[in-house]
Amino acid sequence: MRNRNLIFATTARLKDLIIHHPQFDIAYQRIIDAYEMKRLADVAQNLICVSESGTGKSTLNAALARNFPAYDADERRIIPVLVVSTPPFPTIKNMAEEVLVKLGDPLFYKGSAVEKTNRILTYLIKCDVKLVIFDELQHFIDQGKHSSPLQVSDWLKTIIDKANIATVLMGLERSEQILQINEQLRRRFSHRIDLKAFSLVSKEEYKSFLSVLCTLQDALRLPALMNLKNETVIQRFHFATNGIIDYMVKLFIGAYEIAINNQLSSLNMECLEEAFTQYIWNNAIGDLNPFNNKFKWMRLDKEGMPFHRFYFVRSSLNAHSR
């Protein structure tokens, strides 16, 4: 039971951990600058933040929510930063309702699209919202019906213009296609923030990747530390995670559980090899496992491998962009 409690507590700690590294800090500061520009100068700046899956977008939102929480004052709810998730099948109706829910409207489901839009604008003033983040923007691209992306993006543009508050559009890399099919929205979001996977190409990125590895190992609070500064070890971690922070967290959590269950005082290559197979790729046997001595030293990004990526773009969206 003690082992299970340790594993659960450590898992929760790593899941909640906000890891600061240069790319994350730059993105965070640019959003804060937009917030402060609205708060202090009443100037609304718009940003688009695009990321690869698992590179820290959710953590960025968590950090903003933690540092700018909603609170009650003068018999009203103050929401400095409003985060709205785009529904999987975005329409004007469900987008408006999602915003109203986040603003605390108990009658979010009532009224026409125009009435809901007007209530949103009223609540944004009442709640003193300085910055709004529309997250999961890729749903416009992935799931929108034939004319839905254009209609909803036009509605979004109307909200942004009339509200006159700082706005961040946030989503996976393909989210930027919504700007390609809506020229007016594109002109309003010329400032871009990127969250990418770590690379080992430059000295700075190498150091950043190593720093995150060390931060995660320290957070495990094991009695002894594994030497992570060996160049070969760092390369193995990069092959095993493709430089994606979400996979780094999964790998450390899995290796920690294995170490605790085997009464080890620190992580080792055997823990990491088993964790990679259990938590990232169950076909990673022998020379396909980055922590195995027979590893082929190849990127695991081919079809059927864990880091193979493909983007499906609806033909209707391509038609709109032409």
C-alpha atoms as a PDB file:
ATOM      1  CA  MET A   1       0.000   0.000   0.000  1.00  0.00           C
ATOM      2  CA  ARG A   2       2.848   2.406   0.825  1.00  0.00           C
ATOM      3  CA  ASN A   3       4.355   1.865  -2.619  1.00  0.00           C
ATOM      4  CA  ARG A   4       1.021   2.589  -4.291  1.00  0.00           C
ATOM      5  CA  ASN A   5       0.562   5.804  -2.312  1.00  0.00           C
ATOM      6  CA  LEU A   6       4.080   6.928  -3.233  1.00  0.00           C
ATOM      7  CA  ILE A   7       3.427   6.215  -6.904  1.00  0.00           C
ATOM      8  CA  PHE A   8       0.066   8.022  -6.883  1.00  0.00           C
ATOM      9  CA  ALA A   9       1.498  11.067  -5.094  1.00  0.00           C
ATOM     10  CA  THR A  10       4.507  11.283  -7.399  1.00  0.00           C
ATOM     11  CA  THR A  11       2.364  10.870 -10.495  1.00  0.00           C
ATOM     12  CA  ALA A  12       0.130  13.732  -9.364  1.00  0.00           C
ATOM     13  CA  ARG A  13       3.172  15.908  -8.595  1.00  0.00           C
ATOM     14  CA  LEU A  14       4.710  15.383 -12.032  1.00  0.00           C
ATOM     15  CA  LYS A  15       1.375  15.903 -13.800  1.00  0.00           C
ATOM     16  CA  ASP A  16       0.946  19.260 -12.021  1.00  0.00           C
ATOM     17  CA  LEU A  17       4.556  20.316 -12.436  1.00  0.00           C
ATOM     18  CA  ILE A  18       5.091  23.484 -14.465  1.00  0.00           C
ATOM     19  CA  ILE A  19       8.533  23.154 -16.008  1.00  0.00           C
ATOM     20  CA  HIS A  20      10.115  26.419 -17.030  1.00  0.00           C
ATOM     21  CA  HIS A  21      12.345  26.404 -20.088  1.00  0.00           C
ATOM     22  CA  PRO A  22      13.161  29.206 -22.576  1.00  0.00           C
ATOM     23  CA  GLN A  23      10.477  28.361 -25.142  1.00  0.00           C
ATOM     24  CA  PHE A  24       7.763  28.057 -22.484  1.00  0.00           C
ATOM     25  CA  ASP A  25       8.834  31.243 -20.703  1.00  0.00           C
ATOM     26  CA  ILE A  26       8.834  33.256 -23.944  1.00  0.00           C
ATOM     27  CA  ALA A  27       5.312  32.074 -24.806  1.00  0.00           C
ATOM     28  CA  TYR A  28       4.076  32.780 -21.288  1.00  0.00           C
ATOM     29  CA  GLN A  29       5.610  36.257 -21.219  1.00  0.00           C
ATOM     30  CA  ARG A  30       4.150  37.245 -24.578  1.00  0.00           C
ATOM     31  CA  ILE A  31       0.665  36.324 -23.377  1.00  0.00           C
ATOM     32  CA  ILE A  32       1.235  38.209 -20.114  1.00  0.00           C
ATOM     33  CA  ASP A  33       2.400  41.247 -22.111  1.00  0.00           C
ATOM     34  CA  ALA A  34      -0.877  41.174 -24.068  1.00  0.00           C
ATOM     35  CA  TYR A  35      -2.804  40.955 -20.795  1.00  0.00           C
ATOM     36  CA  GLU A  36      -0.906  43.890 -19.285  1.00  0.00           C
ATOM     37  CA  MET A  37      -1.275  45.952 -22.459  1.00  0.00           C
ATOM     38  CA  LYS A  38      -5.037  45.656 -22.114  1.00  0.00           C
ATOM     39  CA  ARG A  39      -5.047  46.197 -18.353  1.00  0.00           C
ATOM     40  CA  LEU A  40      -2.742  49.209 -18.304  1.00  0.00           C
ATOM     41  CA  ALA A  41      -3.181  50.826 -21.730  1.00  0.00           C
ATOM     42  CA  ASP A  42      -6.595  49.477 -22.814  1.00  0.00           C
ATOM     43  CA  VAL A  43      -5.032  48.235 -26.044  1.00  0.00           C
ATOM     44  CA  ALA A  44      -6.210  44.828 -27.280  1.00  0.00           C
ATOM     45  CA  GLN A  45      -3.475  42.676 -28.809  1.00  0.00           C
ATOM     46  CA  ASN A  46      -4.199  39.380 -30.578  1.00  0.00           C
ATOM     47  CA  LEU A  47      -1.891  36.368 -30.706  1.00  0.00           C
ATOM     48  CA  ILE A  48      -2.001  32.881 -32.181  1.00  0.00           C
ATOM     49  CA  CYS A  49      -0.172  30.163 -30.269  1.00  0.00           C
ATOM     50  CA  VAL A  50       0.463  26.944 -32.180  1.00  0.00           C
ATOM     51  CA  SER A  51       2.115  23.839 -30.835  1.00  0.00           C
ATOM     52  CA  GLU A  52       2.925  20.254 -31.583  1.00  0.00           C
ATOM     53  CA  SER A  53       0.902  17.776 -29.562  1.00  0.00           C
ATOM     54  CA  GLY A  54       2.320  17.296 -26.073  1.00  0.00           C
ATOM     55  CA  THR A  55       4.712  20.250 -26.104  1.00  0.00           C
ATOM     56  CA  GLY A  56       3.206  22.249 -23.240  1.00  0.00           C
ATOM     57  CA  LYS A  57       0.079  24.068 -24.400  1.00  0.00           C
ATOM     58  CA  SER A  58      -2.066  22.669 -21.588  1.00  0.00           C
ATOM     59  CA  THR A  59       0.660  23.491 -19.062  1.00  0.00           C
ATOM     60  CA  LEU A  60       0.767  27.039 -20.387  1.00  0.00           C
ATOM     61  CA  ASN A  61      -2.981  27.391 -19.811  1.00  0.00           C
ATOM     62  CA  ALA A  62      -2.623  25.862 -16.344  1.00  0.00           C
ATOM     63  CA  ALA A  63       0.074  28.387 -15.437  1.00  0.00           C
ATOM     64  CA  LEU A  64      -2.107  31.278 -16.599  1.00  0.00           C
ATOM     65  CA  ALA A  65      -5.128  29.961 -14.677  1.00  0.00           C
ATOM     66  CA  ARG A  66      -3.002  29.506 -11.553  1.00  0.00           C
ATOM     67  CA  ASN A  67      -1.536  33.003 -11.682  1.00  0.00           C
ATOM     68  CA  PHE A  68      -4.715  34.820 -12.761  1.00  0.00           C
ATOM     69  CA  PRO A  69      -7.542  33.021 -10.921  1.00  0.00           C
ATOM     70  CA  ALA A  70     -11.150  34.159 -10.924  1.00  0.00           C
ATOM     71  CA  TYR A  71     -12.389  35.746  -7.704  1.00  0.00           C
ATOM     72  CA  ASP A  72     -15.470  37.409  -6.224  1.00  0.00           C
ATOM     73  CA  ALA A  73     -15.585  41.185  -5.641  1.00  0.00           C
ATOM     74  CA  ASP A  74     -18.425  43.690  -5.247  1.00  0.00           C
ATOM     75  CA  GLU A  75     -21.062  40.981  -5.691  1.00  0.00           C
ATOM     76  CA  ARG A  76     -19.739  39.903  -9.053  1.00  0.00           C
ATOM     77  CA  ARG A  77     -17.337  37.321 -10.432  1.00  0.00           C
ATOM     78  CA  ILE A  78     -14.057  38.747 -11.771  1.00  0.00           C
ATOM     79  CA  ILE A  79     -12.374  36.599 -14.437  1.00  0.00           C
ATOM     80  CA  PRO A  80      -9.061  38.208 -15.481  1.00  0.00           C
ATOM     81  CA  VAL A  81      -8.181  35.431 -17.962  1.00  0.00           C
ATOM     82  CA  LEU A  82     -10.943  33.402 -19.609  1.00  0.00           C
ATOM     83  CA  VAL A  83      -9.998  30.067 -21.204  1.00  0.00           C
ATOM     84  CA  VAL A  84     -12.554  28.562 -23.593  1.00  0.00           C
ATOM     85  CA  SER A  85     -12.123  25.137 -25.216  1.00  0.00           C
ATOM     86  CA  THR A  86     -13.421  24.819 -28.762  1.00  0.00           C
ATOM     87  CA  PRO A  87     -16.030  21.995 -28.872  1.00  0.00           C
ATOM     88  CA  PRO A  88     -15.141  18.944 -30.997  1.00  0.00           C
ATOM     89  CA  PHE A  89     -17.812  19.900 -33.568  1.00  0.00           C
ATOM     90  CA  PRO A  90     -17.733  23.715 -33.482  1.00  0.00           C
ATOM     91  CA  THR A  91     -20.847  25.653 -34.400  1.00  0.00           C
ATOM     92  CA  ILE A  92     -21.892  29.183 -33.504  1.00  0.00           C
ATOM     93  CA  LYS A  93     -24.431  27.748 -31.044  1.00  0.00           C
ATOM     94  CA  ASN A  94     -22.115  25.479 -29.085  1.00  0.00           C
ATOM     95  CA  MET A  95     -19.206  27.945 -29.201  1.00  0.00           C
ATOM     96  CA  ALA A  96     -21.432  30.694 -27.757  1.00  0.00           C
ATOM     97  CA  GLU A  97     -22.747  28.328 -25.097  1.00  0.00           C
ATOM     98  CA  GLU A  98     -19.222  27.230 -24.157  1.00  0.00           C
ATOM     99  CA  VAL A  99     -18.211  30.872 -23.623  1.00  0.00           C
ATOM    100  CA  LEU A 100     -21.338  31.596 -21.574  1.00  0.00           C
ATOM    101  CA  VAL A 101     -20.733  28.540 -19.371  1.00  0.00           C
ATOM    102  CA  LYS A 102     -17.193  29.741 -18.650  1.00  0.00           C
ATOM    103  CA  LEU A 103     -18.579  33.187 -17.831  1.00  0.00           C
ATOM    104  CA  GLY A 104     -21.025  31.674 -15.355  1.00  0.00           C
ATOM    105  CA  ASP A 105     -24.289  32.324 -17.213  1.00  0.00           C
ATOM    106  CA  PRO A 106     -26.902  29.926 -15.708  1.00  0.00           C
ATOM    107  CA  LEU A 107     -29.085  30.373 -18.812  1.00  0.00           C
ATOM    108  CA  PHE A 108     -26.310  29.633 -21.302  1.00  0.00           C
ATOM    109  CA  TYR A 109     -28.622  27.439 -23.391  1.00  0.00           C
ATOM    110  CA  LYS A 110     -31.346  30.051 -23.894  1.00  0.00           C
ATOM    111  CA  GLY A 111     -31.793  32.578 -26.692  1.00  0.00           C
ATOM    112  CA  SER A 112     -30.868  32.998 -30.332  1.00  0.00           C
ATOM    113  CA  ALA A 113     -27.278  33.293 -31.578  1.00  0.00           C
ATOM    114  CA  VAL A 114     -27.585  37.091 -31.535  1.00  0.00           C
ATOM    115  CA  GLU A 115     -28.957  37.098 -27.982  1.00  0.00           C
ATOM    116  CA  LYS A 116     -26.203  34.787 -26.773  1.00  0.00           C
ATOM    117  CA  THR A 117     -23.574  36.942 -28.440  1.00  0.00           C
ATOM    118  CA  ASN A 118     -24.918  40.057 -26.743  1.00  0.00           C
ATOM    119  CA  ARG A 119     -24.912  38.282 -23.372  1.00  0.00           C
ATOM    120  CA  ILE A 120     -21.305  37.262 -23.930  1.00  0.00           C
ATOM    121  CA  LEU A 121     -20.308  40.876 -24.561  1.00  0.00           C
ATOM    122  CA  THR A 122     -22.196  41.989 -21.435  1.00  0.00           C
ATOM    123  CA  TYR A 123     -20.583  39.302 -19.269  1.00  0.00           C
ATOM    124  CA  LEU A 124     -17.088  40.097 -20.573  1.00  0.00           C
ATOM    125  CA  ILE A 125     -17.526  43.648 -19.277  1.00  0.00           C
ATOM    126  CA  LYS A 126     -19.225  42.584 -16.041  1.00  0.00           C
ATOM    127  CA  CYS A 127     -16.516  40.004 -15.272  1.00  0.00           C
ATOM    128  CA  ASP A 128     -13.757  42.464 -16.215  1.00  0.00           C
ATOM    129  CA  VAL A 129     -12.120  39.968 -18.581  1.00  0.00           C
ATOM    130  CA  LYS A 130      -8.789  41.293 -19.841  1.00  0.00           C
ATOM    131  CA  LEU A 131      -7.716  38.332 -21.958  1.00  0.00           C
ATOM    132  CA  VAL A 132      -9.563  35.408 -23.529  1.00  0.00           C
ATOM    133  CA  ILE A 133      -7.959  32.225 -24.841  1.00  0.00           C
ATOM    134  CA  PHE A 134      -9.786  30.096 -27.395  1.00  0.00           C
ATOM    135  CA  ASP A 135      -8.104  26.697 -27.063  1.00  0.00           C
ATOM    136  CA  GLU A 136      -8.231  23.516 -29.193  1.00  0.00           C
ATOM    137  CA  LEU A 137      -8.590  25.572 -32.352  1.00  0.00           C
ATOM    138  CA  GLN A 138      -7.706  22.535 -34.487  1.00  0.00           C
ATOM    139  CA  HIS A 139     -11.304  21.362 -34.042  1.00  0.00           C
ATOM    140  CA  PHE A 140     -12.255  23.949 -36.657  1.00  0.00           C
ATOM    141  CA  ILE A 141     -10.074  22.043 -39.105  1.00  0.00           C
ATOM    142  CA  ASP A 142     -10.661  18.458 -37.993  1.00  0.00           C
ATOM    143  CA  GLN A 143     -14.397  18.278 -37.410  1.00  0.00           C
ATOM    144  CA  GLY A 144     -16.107  21.285 -38.923  1.00  0.00           C
ATOM    145  CA  LYS A 145     -18.997  20.680 -41.319  1.00  0.00           C
ATOM    146  CA  HIS A 146     -18.810  21.995 -44.878  1.00  0.00           C
ATOM    147  CA  SER A 147     -19.502  25.659 -44.120  1.00  0.00           C
ATOM    148  CA  SER A 148     -19.030  25.630 -40.349  1.00  0.00           C
ATOM    149  CA  PRO A 149     -15.375  26.797 -40.146  1.00  0.00           C
ATOM    150  CA  LEU A 150     -16.095  29.973 -42.109  1.00  0.00           C
ATOM    151  CA  GLN A 151     -19.307  30.739 -40.219  1.00  0.00           C
ATOM    152  CA  VAL A 152     -17.831  30.177 -36.766  1.00  0.00           C
ATOM    153  CA  SER A 153     -14.616  32.027 -37.564  1.00  0.00           C
ATOM    154  CA  ASP A 154     -16.716  34.995 -38.761  1.00  0.00           C
ATOM    155  CA  TRP A 155     -18.626  34.865 -35.459  1.00  0.00           C
ATOM    156  CA  LEU A 156     -15.317  34.689 -33.584  1.00  0.00           C
ATOM    157  CA  LYS A 157     -14.074  37.762 -35.451  1.00  0.00           C
ATOM    158  CA  THR A 158     -17.225  39.648 -34.431  1.00  0.00           C
ATOM    159  CA  ILE A 159     -16.737  38.763 -30.758  1.00  0.00           C
ATOM    160  CA  ILE A 160     -13.070  39.803 -30.888  1.00  0.00           C
ATOM    161  CA  ASP A 161     -13.842  43.141 -32.538  1.00  0.00           C
ATOM    162  CA  LYS A 162     -16.769  44.087 -30.316  1.00  0.00           C
ATOM    163  CA  ALA A 163     -15.229  42.891 -27.041  1.00  0.00           C
ATOM    164  CA  ASN A 164     -11.965  44.765 -27.666  1.00  0.00           C
ATOM    165  CA  ILE A 165      -9.972  42.600 -25.249  1.00  0.00           C
ATOM    166  CA  ALA A 166      -6.699  40.714 -25.714  1.00  0.00           C
ATOM    167  CA  THR A 167      -7.327  37.411 -27.507  1.00  0.00           C
ATOM    168  CA  VAL A 168      -5.193  34.302 -27.968  1.00  0.00           C
ATOM    169  CA  LEU A 169      -6.106  31.593 -30.463  1.00  0.00           C
ATOM    170  CA  MET A 170      -4.426  28.379 -29.368  1.00  0.00           C
ATOM    171  CA  GLY A 171      -4.174  24.922 -30.892  1.00  0.00           C
ATOM    172  CA  LEU A 172      -2.084  22.367 -32.738  1.00  0.00           C
ATOM    173  CA  GLU A 173      -0.016  23.436 -35.732  1.00  0.00           C
ATOM    174  CA  ARG A 174      -2.768  22.786 -38.257  1.00  0.00           C
ATOM    175  CA  SER A 175      -4.972  25.308 -36.410  1.00  0.00           C
ATOM    176  CA  GLU A 176      -3.314  28.046 -38.430  1.00  0.00           C
ATOM    177  CA  GLN A 177      -5.280  26.856 -41.448  1.00  0.00           C
ATOM    178  CA  ILE A 178      -8.331  28.617 -40.008  1.00  0.00           C
ATOM    179  CA  LEU A 179      -6.516  31.881 -40.713  1.00  0.00           C
ATOM    180  CA  GLN A 180      -5.963  30.809 -44.286  1.00  0.00           C
ATOM    181  CA  ILE A 181      -9.684  30.409 -44.933  1.00  0.00           C
ATOM    182  CA  ASN A 182     -10.640  33.663 -43.188  1.00  0.00           C
ATOM    183  CA  GLU A 183      -8.614  36.629 -44.392  1.00  0.00           C
ATOM    184  CA  GLN A 184     -10.140  39.085 -41.915  1.00  0.00           C
ATOM    185  CA  LEU A 185      -9.273  36.841 -38.994  1.00  0.00           C
ATOM    186  CA  ARG A 186      -5.771  36.394 -40.413  1.00  0.00           C
ATOM    187  CA  ARG A 187      -5.143  40.143 -40.401  1.00  0.00           C
ATOM    188  CA  ARG A 188      -6.060  40.286 -36.720  1.00  0.00           C
ATOM    189  CA  PHE A 189      -3.655  37.510 -35.704  1.00  0.00           C
ATOM    190  CA  SER A 190      -0.324  38.287 -37.315  1.00  0.00           C
ATOM    191  CA  HIS A 191       1.647  37.729 -34.071  1.00  0.00           C
ATOM    192  CA  ARG A 192       2.543  34.055 -33.646  1.00  0.00           C
ATOM    193  CA  ILE A 193       3.888  32.046 -30.688  1.00  0.00           C
ATOM    194  CA  ASP A 194       5.374  28.573 -31.208  1.00  0.00           C
ATOM    195  CA  LEU A 195       5.702  25.657 -28.794  1.00  0.00           C
ATOM    196  CA  LYS A 196       7.811  22.968 -30.436  1.00  0.00           C
ATOM    197  CA  ALA A 197       9.429  19.704 -29.444  1.00  0.00           C
ATOM    198  CA  PHE A 198      12.979  19.960 -28.111  1.00  0.00           C
ATOM    199  CA  SER A 199      15.780  19.528 -30.599  1.00  0.00           C
ATOM    200  CA  LEU A 200      19.406  18.622 -29.928  1.00  0.00           C
ATOM    201  CA  VAL A 201      20.683  20.609 -32.914  1.00  0.00           C
ATOM    202  CA  SER A 202      21.840  23.722 -31.067  1.00  0.00           C
ATOM    203  CA  LYS A 203      23.745  24.038 -27.800  1.00  0.00           C
ATOM    204  CA  GLU A 204      20.897  26.069 -26.275  1.00  0.00           C
ATOM    205  CA  GLU A 205      18.222  23.477 -27.107  1.00  0.00           C
ATOM    206  CA  TYR A 206      20.497  20.666 -25.902  1.00  0.00           C
ATOM    207  CA  LYS A 207      20.866  22.442 -22.554  1.00  0.00           C
ATOM    208  CA  SER A 208      17.112  23.069 -22.352  1.00  0.00           C
ATOM    209  CA  PHE A 209      16.323  19.400 -22.983  1.00  0.00           C
ATOM    210  CA  LEU A 210      18.847  18.298 -20.346  1.00  0.00           C
ATOM    211  CA  SER A 211      17.457  20.828 -17.869  1.00  0.00           C
ATOM    212  CA  VAL A 212      13.943  19.403 -18.247  1.00  0.00           C
ATOM    213  CA  LEU A 213      15.249  15.847 -17.776  1.00  0.00           C
ATOM    214  CA  CYS A 214      17.003  16.894 -14.563  1.00  0.00           C
ATOM    215  CA  THR A 215      13.924  18.745 -13.303  1.00  0.00           C
ATOM    216  CA  LEU A 216      11.748  15.683 -13.825  1.00  0.00           C
ATOM    217  CA  GLN A 217      14.233  13.363 -12.116  1.00  0.00           C
ATOM    218  CA  ASP A 218      14.537  15.739  -9.146  1.00  0.00           C
ATOM    219  CA  ALA A 219      10.733  15.806  -8.831  1.00  0.00           C
ATOM    220  CA  LEU A 220      10.702  12.021  -8.310  1.00  0.00           C
ATOM    221  CA  ARG A 221      12.520  12.495  -4.968  1.00  0.00           C
ATOM    222  CA  LEU A 222      14.327   9.169  -5.168  1.00  0.00           C
ATOM    223  CA  PRO A 223      17.212   8.606  -2.733  1.00  0.00           C
ATOM    224  CA  ALA A 224      19.813   8.572  -5.524  1.00  0.00           C
ATOM    225  CA  LEU A 225      20.111  10.264  -8.914  1.00  0.00           C
ATOM    226  CA  MET A 226      20.890   8.657 -12.230  1.00  0.00           C
ATOM    227  CA  ASN A 227      23.603  10.430 -14.225  1.00  0.00           C
ATOM    228  CA  LEU A 228      21.649  12.174 -16.982  1.00  0.00           C
ATOM    229  CA  LYS A 229      24.507  14.329 -18.279  1.00  0.00           C
ATOM    230  CA  ASN A 230      26.117  11.566 -20.313  1.00  0.00           C
ATOM    231  CA  GLU A 231      25.696  12.461 -23.999  1.00  0.00           C
ATOM    232  CA  THR A 232      24.622   8.961 -25.002  1.00  0.00           C
ATOM    233  CA  VAL A 233      21.996   8.881 -22.251  1.00  0.00           C
ATOM    234  CA  ILE A 234      20.621  12.242 -23.392  1.00  0.00           C
ATOM    235  CA  GLN A 235      20.391  10.978 -26.968  1.00  0.00           C
ATOM    236  CA  ARG A 236      18.556   7.868 -25.802  1.00  0.00           C
ATOM    237  CA  PHE A 237      16.009  10.046 -23.994  1.00  0.00           C
ATOM    238  CA  HIS A 238      15.544  12.145 -27.104  1.00  0.00           C
ATOM    239  CA  PHE A 239      14.947   9.099 -29.308  1.00  0.00           C
ATOM    240  CA  ALA A 240      12.497   7.782 -26.682  1.00  0.00           C
ATOM    241  CA  THR A 241      10.453  11.003 -26.450  1.00  0.00           C
ATOM    242  CA  ASN A 242      11.135  12.763 -29.754  1.00  0.00           C
ATOM    243  CA  GLY A 243      11.790  15.841 -27.617  1.00  0.00           C
ATOM    244  CA  ILE A 244       8.110  16.035 -26.589  1.00  0.00           C
ATOM    245  CA  ILE A 245       7.648  17.005 -22.970  1.00  0.00           C
ATOM    246  CA  ASP A 246       4.452  14.967 -22.487  1.00  0.00           C
ATOM    247  CA  TYR A 247       6.322  11.776 -23.384  1.00  0.00           C
ATOM    248  CA  MET A 248       9.170  12.797 -21.093  1.00  0.00           C
ATOM    249  CA  VAL A 249       6.727  13.025 -18.183  1.00  0.00           C
ATOM    250  CA  LYS A 250       5.136   9.653 -19.063  1.00  0.00           C
ATOM    251  CA  LEU A 251       8.539   8.008 -19.288  1.00  0.00           C
ATOM    252  CA  PHE A 252       9.688   9.266 -15.888  1.00  0.00           C
ATOM    253  CA  ILE A 253       6.403   8.337 -14.204  1.00  0.00           C
ATOM    254  CA  GLY A 254       6.576   4.822 -15.657  1.00  0.00           C
ATOM    255  CA  ALA A 255      10.255   4.344 -14.768  1.00  0.00           C
ATOM    256  CA  TYR A 256       9.576   5.603 -11.235  1.00  0.00           C
ATOM    257  CA  GLU A 257       6.777   3.079 -10.721  1.00  0.00           C
ATOM    258  CA  ILE A 258       9.045   0.267 -11.895  1.00  0.00           C
ATOM    259  CA  ALA A 259      11.893   1.449  -9.650  1.00  0.00           C
ATOM    260  CA  ILE A 260       9.639   1.661  -6.574  1.00  0.00           C
ATOM    261  CA  ASN A 261       8.090  -1.752  -7.210  1.00  0.00           C
ATOM    262  CA  ASN A 262      11.580  -3.239  -7.495  1.00  0.00           C
ATOM    263  CA  GLN A 263      12.835  -1.395  -4.380  1.00  0.00           C
ATOM    264  CA  LEU A 264      15.486   0.528  -6.318  1.00  0.00           C
ATOM    265  CA  SER A 265      17.003   3.746  -4.981  1.00  0.00           C
ATOM    266  CA  SER A 266      17.309   5.366  -8.434  1.00  0.00           C
ATOM    267  CA  LEU A 267      16.310   4.951 -12.042  1.00  0.00           C
ATOM    268  CA  ASN A 268      18.420   2.794 -14.338  1.00  0.00           C
ATOM    269  CA  MET A 269      18.422   1.736 -17.985  1.00  0.00           C
ATOM    270  CA  GLU A 270      16.352  -1.364 -17.244  1.00  0.00           C
ATOM    271  CA  CYS A 271      13.599   0.770 -15.635  1.00  0.00           C
ATOM    272  CA  LEU A 272      13.585   3.139 -18.585  1.00  0.00           C
ATOM    273  CA  GLU A 273      13.574   0.319 -21.150  1.00  0.00           C
ATOM    274  CA  GLU A 274      10.579  -1.323 -19.490  1.00  0.00           C
ATOM    275  CA  ALA A 275       8.789   2.020 -19.026  1.00  0.00           C
ATOM    276  CA  PHE A 276       9.227   2.902 -22.699  1.00  0.00           C
ATOM    277  CA  THR A 277       7.595  -0.378 -23.704  1.00  0.00           C
ATOM    278  CA  GLN A 278       4.749  -0.067 -21.190  1.00  0.00           C
ATOM    279  CA  TYR A 279       3.950   3.624 -21.455  1.00  0.00           C
ATOM    280  CA  ILE A 280       5.000   4.779 -24.929  1.00  0.00           C
ATOM    281  CA  TRP A 281       5.273   1.906 -27.424  1.00  0.00           C
ATOM    282  CA  ASN A 282       4.420  -1.690 -26.617  1.00  0.00           C
ATOM    283  CA  ASN A 283       6.203  -2.945 -29.753  1.00  0.00           C
ATOM    284  CA  ALA A 284       9.509  -1.508 -28.527  1.00  0.00           C
ATOM    285  CA  ILE A 285      11.362  -4.791 -28.154  1.00  0.00           C
ATOM    286  CA  GLY A 286      15.122  -5.178 -28.437  1.00  0.00           C
ATOM    287  CA  ASP A 287      16.732  -2.970 -31.063  1.00  0.00           C
ATOM    288  CA  LEU A 288      13.577  -0.808 -31.337  1.00  0.00           C
ATOM    289  CA  ASN A 289      13.874   0.351 -27.725  1.00  0.00           C
ATOM    290  CA  PRO A 290      16.117   3.406 -27.206  1.00  0.00           C
ATOM    291  CA  PHE A 291      17.254   2.116 -23.797  1.00  0.00           C
ATOM    292  CA  ASN A 292      18.287  -1.306 -25.105  1.00  0.00           C
ATOM    293  CA  ASN A 293      21.988  -1.880 -25.829  1.00  0.00           C
ATOM    294  CA  LYS A 294      21.087  -3.116 -29.331  1.00  0.00           C
ATOM    295  CA  PHE A 295      19.067  -0.007 -30.248  1.00  0.00           C
ATOM    296  CA  LYS A 296      19.413   0.933 -33.939  1.00  0.00           C
ATOM    297  CA  TRP A 297      19.822   4.699 -33.226  1.00  0.00           C
ATOM    298  CA  MET A 298      17.014   5.619 -35.568  1.00  0.00           C
ATOM    299  CA  ARG A 299      14.100   8.042 -35.293  1.00  0.00           C
ATOM    300  CA  LEU A 300      10.892   6.257 -34.347  1.00  0.00           C
ATOM    301  CA  ASP A 301       8.764   8.273 -36.728  1.00  0.00           C
ATOM    302  CA  LYS A 302       7.953   5.776 -39.451  1.00  0.00           C
ATOM    303  CA  GLU A 303       4.442   4.460 -39.989  1.00  0.00           C
ATOM    304  CA  GLY A 304       3.409   2.261 -37.084  1.00  0.00           C
ATOM    305  CA  MET A 305       5.953   3.873 -34.756  1.00  0.00           C
ATOM    306  CA  PRO A 306       5.004   6.180 -31.847  1.00  0.00           C
ATOM    307  CA  PHE A 307       6.090   9.449 -33.419  1.00  0.00           C
ATOM    308  CA  HIS A 308       4.609   8.957 -36.867  1.00  0.00           C
ATOM    309  CA  ARG A 309       2.390  11.941 -37.621  1.00  0.00           C
ATOM    310  CA  PHE A 310      -0.148  12.646 -40.346  1.00  0.00           C
ATOM    311  CA  TYR A 311      -2.657  15.401 -40.691  1.00  0.00           C
ATOM    312  CA  PHE A 312      -6.030  14.870 -42.321  1.00  0.00           C
ATOM    313  CA  VAL A 313      -7.441  18.041 -43.848  1.00  0.00           C
ATOM    314  CA  ARG A 314     -10.954  18.061 -45.184  1.00  0.00           C
ATOM    315  CA  SER A 315     -11.302  18.716 -48.893  1.00  0.00           C
ATOM    316  CA  SER A 316     -13.946  21.311 -48.080  1.00  0.00           C
ATOM    317  CA  LEU A 317     -11.384  23.382 -46.198  1.00  0.00           C
ATOM    318  CA  ASN A 318      -8.960  23.147 -49.104  1.00  0.00           C
ATOM    319  CA  ALA A 319     -11.747  24.353 -51.369  1.00  0.00           C
ATOM    320  CA  HIS A 320     -12.390  27.361 -49.100  1.00  0.00           C
ATOM    321  CA  SER A 321      -8.706  28.309 -49.093  1.00  0.00           C
ATOM    322  CA  ARG A 322      -8.381  28.332 -52.876  1.00  0.00           C
END
